[in-house]
C-alpha atoms as a PDB file:
ATOM      1  CA  MET A   1       0.000   0.000   0.000  1.00  0.00           C
ATOM      2  CA  SER A   2       1.317   3.435  -0.877  1.00  0.00           C
ATOM      3  CA  THR A   3       2.024   6.097   1.717  1.00  0.00           C
ATOM      4  CA  PRO A   4      -0.771   8.680   1.867  1.00  0.00           C
ATOM      5  CA  VAL A   5       0.103  12.030   0.320  1.00  0.00           C
ATOM      6  CA  GLU A   6      -1.735  15.137   1.409  1.00  0.00           C
ATOM      7  CA  ASN A   7      -1.786  18.455  -0.362  1.00  0.00           C
ATOM      8  CA  THR A   8      -3.431  21.646   0.860  1.00  0.00           C
ATOM      9  CA  GLN A   9      -4.308  24.614  -1.273  1.00  0.00           C
ATOM     10  CA  THR A  10      -6.114  27.737  -0.134  1.00  0.00           C
ATOM     11  CA  HIS A  11      -9.162  29.143  -1.894  1.00  0.00           C
ATOM     12  CA  SER A  12      -7.354  32.458  -2.485  1.00  0.00           C
ATOM     13  CA  ARG A  13      -4.946  30.832  -4.960  1.00  0.00           C
ATOM     14  CA  ALA A  14      -7.735  30.230  -7.468  1.00  0.00           C
ATOM     15  CA  PRO A  15     -10.721  32.278  -8.630  1.00  0.00           C
ATOM     16  CA  ASN A  16     -13.130  29.705  -7.198  1.00  0.00           C
ATOM     17  CA  ILE A  17     -13.038  26.546  -5.121  1.00  0.00           C
ATOM     18  CA  SER A  18     -13.606  24.172  -8.054  1.00  0.00           C
ATOM     19  CA  GLU A  19     -10.483  25.543  -9.743  1.00  0.00           C
ATOM     20  CA  ALA A  20      -8.573  25.197  -6.461  1.00  0.00           C
ATOM     21  CA  VAL A  21      -9.574  21.509  -6.412  1.00  0.00           C
ATOM     22  CA  VAL A  22      -8.312  21.009  -9.981  1.00  0.00           C
ATOM     23  CA  GLN A  23      -5.015  22.765  -9.185  1.00  0.00           C
ATOM     24  CA  ALA A  24      -4.513  20.749  -5.993  1.00  0.00           C
ATOM     25  CA  LEU A  25      -5.270  17.443  -7.757  1.00  0.00           C
ATOM     26  CA  ALA A  26      -2.847  18.358 -10.536  1.00  0.00           C
ATOM     27  CA  ALA A  27      -0.138  19.059  -7.955  1.00  0.00           C
ATOM     28  CA  VAL A  28      -0.718  15.757  -6.137  1.00  0.00           C
ATOM     29  CA  LYS A  29      -0.834  13.779  -9.385  1.00  0.00           C
ATOM     30  CA  GLU A  30       2.140  15.731 -10.779  1.00  0.00           C
ATOM     31  CA  THR A  31       0.279  16.566 -13.959  1.00  0.00           C
ATOM     32  CA  ASP A  32      -1.091  19.567 -15.791  1.00  0.00           C
ATOM     33  CA  PRO A  33      -4.504  20.802 -14.571  1.00  0.00           C
ATOM     34  CA  ILE A  34      -5.941  20.115 -18.050  1.00  0.00           C
ATOM     35  CA  SER A  35      -5.187  16.403 -17.471  1.00  0.00           C
ATOM     36  CA  VAL A  36      -7.277  16.210 -14.280  1.00  0.00           C
ATOM     37  CA  ASP A  37     -10.497  14.214 -14.637  1.00  0.00           C
ATOM     38  CA  PRO A  38     -13.548  16.486 -14.976  1.00  0.00           C
ATOM     39  CA  LEU A  39     -14.957  17.427 -11.571  1.00  0.00           C
ATOM     40  CA  TYR A  40     -18.459  16.575 -12.738  1.00  0.00           C
ATOM     41  CA  ASN A  41     -17.389  12.905 -12.658  1.00  0.00           C
ATOM     42  CA  ALA A  42     -17.646  13.239  -8.861  1.00  0.00           C
ATOM     43  CA  ILE A  43     -19.467  16.468  -8.025  1.00  0.00           C
ATOM     44  CA  ASP A  44     -21.259  19.385  -9.690  1.00  0.00           C
ATOM     45  CA  PRO A  45     -18.553  22.113  -9.903  1.00  0.00           C
ATOM     46  CA  GLU A  46     -21.079  24.971  -9.930  1.00  0.00           C
ATOM     47  CA  ALA A  47     -22.804  23.597  -6.835  1.00  0.00           C
ATOM     48  CA  LEU A  48     -19.414  23.212  -5.130  1.00  0.00           C
ATOM     49  CA  ASP A  49     -18.551  26.849  -5.893  1.00  0.00           C
ATOM     50  CA  MET A  50     -21.942  28.062  -4.640  1.00  0.00           C
ATOM     51  CA  LEU A  51     -21.653  25.971  -1.472  1.00  0.00           C
ATOM     52  CA  PHE A  52     -18.416  27.723  -0.505  1.00  0.00           C
ATOM     53  CA  ALA A  53     -19.095  31.195  -1.933  1.00  0.00           C
ATOM     54  CA  PRO A  54     -19.856  34.069   0.440  1.00  0.00           C
ATOM     55  CA  THR A  55     -23.509  34.679   1.241  1.00  0.00           C
ATOM     56  CA  LEU A  56     -25.499  37.221  -0.793  1.00  0.00           C
ATOM     57  CA  ASN A  57     -24.631  39.915   1.766  1.00  0.00           C
ATOM     58  CA  GLY A  58     -20.896  39.090   1.395  1.00  0.00           C
ATOM     59  CA  GLU A  59     -20.410  37.253   4.693  1.00  0.00           C
ATOM     60  CA  GLN A  60     -18.324  34.084   4.923  1.00  0.00           C
ATOM     61  CA  ARG A  61     -20.476  30.991   5.396  1.00  0.00           C
ATOM     62  CA  PRO A  62     -20.320  29.178   8.748  1.00  0.00           C
ATOM     63  CA  GLY A  63     -18.080  26.122   9.108  1.00  0.00           C
ATOM     64  CA  GLY A  64     -18.581  23.039   6.996  1.00  0.00           C
ATOM     65  CA  ALA A  65     -16.837  20.543   4.749  1.00  0.00           C
ATOM     66  CA  ILE A  66     -17.496  18.199   1.861  1.00  0.00           C
ATOM     67  CA  THR A  67     -15.506  15.126   0.831  1.00  0.00           C
ATOM     68  CA  PHE A  68     -15.631  13.281  -2.471  1.00  0.00           C
ATOM     69  CA  GLU A  69     -13.450  10.885  -4.450  1.00  0.00           C
ATOM     70  CA  LEU A  70     -11.811  11.752  -7.769  1.00  0.00           C
ATOM     71  CA  MET A  71      -8.783  10.260  -9.533  1.00  0.00           C
ATOM     72  CA  ASN A  72      -8.247   7.743  -6.688  1.00  0.00           C
ATOM     73  CA  CYS A  73      -7.981  10.603  -4.196  1.00  0.00           C
ATOM     74  CA  LEU A  74     -10.186  11.707  -1.341  1.00  0.00           C
ATOM     75  CA  VAL A  75     -10.769  15.431  -1.750  1.00  0.00           C
ATOM     76  CA  THR A  76     -11.970  17.394   1.279  1.00  0.00           C
ATOM     77  CA  VAL A  77     -12.948  21.042   0.970  1.00  0.00           C
ATOM     78  CA  THR A  78     -13.422  23.029   4.193  1.00  0.00           C
ATOM     79  CA  VAL A  79     -15.294  26.306   4.322  1.00  0.00           C
ATOM     80  CA  GLU A  80     -13.354  27.909   7.195  1.00  0.00           C
ATOM     81  CA  ALA A  81     -10.285  28.742   5.098  1.00  0.00           C
ATOM     82  CA  GLY A  82     -11.439  27.560   1.686  1.00  0.00           C
ATOM     83  CA  ASP A  83      -8.814  24.832   1.963  1.00  0.00           C
ATOM     84  CA  VAL A  84      -8.607  21.801  -0.296  1.00  0.00           C
ATOM     85  CA  HIS A  85      -7.080  18.703   1.324  1.00  0.00           C
ATOM     86  CA  ILE A  86      -6.239  15.742  -0.908  1.00  0.00           C
ATOM     87  CA  ASP A  87      -5.388  12.280   0.394  1.00  0.00           C
ATOM     88  CA  THR A  88      -4.212   9.769  -2.212  1.00  0.00           C
ATOM     89  CA  ASP A  89      -4.813   6.783   0.074  1.00  0.00           C
ATOM     90  CA  THR A  90      -8.469   6.093  -0.770  1.00  0.00           C
ATOM     91  CA  ARG A  91     -10.721   3.214   0.233  1.00  0.00           C
ATOM     92  CA  SER A  92     -10.715   1.878  -3.320  1.00  0.00           C
ATOM     93  CA  GLU A  93      -6.926   1.346  -3.145  1.00  0.00           C
ATOM     94  CA  ARG A  94      -6.940  -0.412   0.264  1.00  0.00           C
END
């Protein structure tokens, strides 16, 4: 079994959280972002962006997280810092 690899990327490094996920996956997989599997294979990218976007009055949303699997990685997005955590040691590889 491979050693888990974790990568963290903040929301501020990309225009939206779905792009941050693509960039973080590309970094973990050591590939170009264009080579990352489409997010819609695992989650609706527009819904993901809306879930973590500020409220209509501009306030940050209260705490929360979502986890999904893509490209044999567990991707966890947290609302507190807009972080993207990627763990390459998924259940499907165990």
